[in-house]
Amino acid sequence: MKRNENIVLLSRDHHFGLLCSWKIRQGIRNKVKPDKIKNYIVYFWKNHLEEHFREEEQILFPYLKDEYSSRIQSEHTQLKVLVSQIESLEGLNLFSDFADLLDQHIRFEERHWFPHLEEKLSHETLSRIGKELSHIHTEETDTYDDEFWK
């Protein structure tokens, strides 16, 4: 699906989030030591998701407050809570819950929320969003060294 050029930066980040979910599932499937998966989740949160969520909340939310943004905010909170639990506990169930929720969350944004924003927001508003994002967004790269999922 072709994404509006003003929010495509956030859409590109989603590739890394889906890959994160896949890596976690692979680690679980391959019976990798739980601390390896835990370390990756904490790394991914601190180096990718935390900033991505902040950008969505600060830049996109103010323009359209509706049931979509409420759901996105709720899922951001749920994912943040899961990361906090994962940092203090270790458990394959938490890892799996995190991977599943992240995957579902990204797919909802791509299939429903972003198209909704593109439909409801004016071209001028989307352009303003694009300018705001271009000033603060950094291109995603995943530089995590421990390829536990292989």
Foldseek 3Di string as FASTA:
>chain_A
DDFDPLCVQLLLLLVVLLVLLVLLVLLVVVVPPQVVNLVSLLCCCVPRVVVSLVLCVVQPCVVDDDPVVVVLVVLSVVLVVLNVVSVVDTDSVSSNVNSVSSNVSSCCCVVPVRVVCVVPDDPVSSVVSSVVCVVPPDHDDDPDDDSSSD
